[in-house]
Amino acid sequence: MYKPVGGLILAFLLLAVVMYTVYDPQEEDSKTKLTVSAAASLTESFLQIEEEFEEAHPDIDVVLNLAGSGTLRMQIEGGAPIDVFASASQKHMDLLAESGLILNSTRSNFAGNSLVMIVPSGSGTNGVSMADLTSEEVGKVAMGDPDTAPVGKYTKEALEDAFLWDEISGKIVYAENVKQVIVYVEKAEVDAGFVYSSDYMAADKNRIEMAAEVPVNSSISYPIAVVSSSPEKEAAGKFIDFVLSQEGQTILEEHGFIVDGN
């Protein structure tokens, strides 16, 4: 029986050539790797910014490192290889600046936010106010850890300003970051939670509802800067320029952030 062995070998060789043409590992290795540490509340917006920035700069590969701003700051202080830091508060950027760990000349404020209180949909606590958190019907309240998550710092300040902190501090469930607060509320593991309005916009509206807008005395602003130890300062500067550009600002606004002029 005739067996077209030679034909099969030729076919495999052709397939290998095509695959190598489509994907060349050396091309990936030649890209500049840029690690961007960004506050967890920037997740959705920075994922889109990453995609569009890489389209505009195909020679740069952005790697996002998302967590609470305090956690990211401590990583940088510990010598983690980070190129750009985008914080949800000025405090953590200030601490890095004081230690000479960021390039102050590259620091810019690129977005703002607001604070809201959310509750699980259909939980029976919909429409509650902050004052209602003192009720016995409210068992647990989620908020970010004030030491590592700026959303927690803003929340604590708001509750203290409303003279509610002492009454409800025993009900508090601390989260590592704002995204974890969202999860707690979506799963109805808590009766209420405090998040940024941008995170509420990105959340599943079938599972949570906004109960109230929360006034804060501190301006919620997001700074960004190049990390001093970055070996890719030119690429890092290009990323920051993109975030500050009209295209980057439009993306942030679409995700619920406050940008200049709004």
Foldseek 3Di string as FASTA:
>chain_A
DDDVPVVVVVVVVVVVVVVCVVDPVVLVVQAAEAEEEEEQLCVVLVVVLQVVLCVVVVSYHYDYHYFFLQVVLVCLVVPNQHWKYKHQDVVSVVVCVVVVFFDPVFKDWQWFWFKFKKAWPPPVCAQPDPVCCLDPVFQAEEFEDVNGHVRRVQVCQLCVVVVNCVRCVVRYDYDRYQVVNLVCRLVRVGGMYMHIPLVVLVHDPNTMDTNGTTDGPDTRIMMMTTTPPHPPNVVSSSSSVSCNDPNNSVSCVVSPIGGPPD
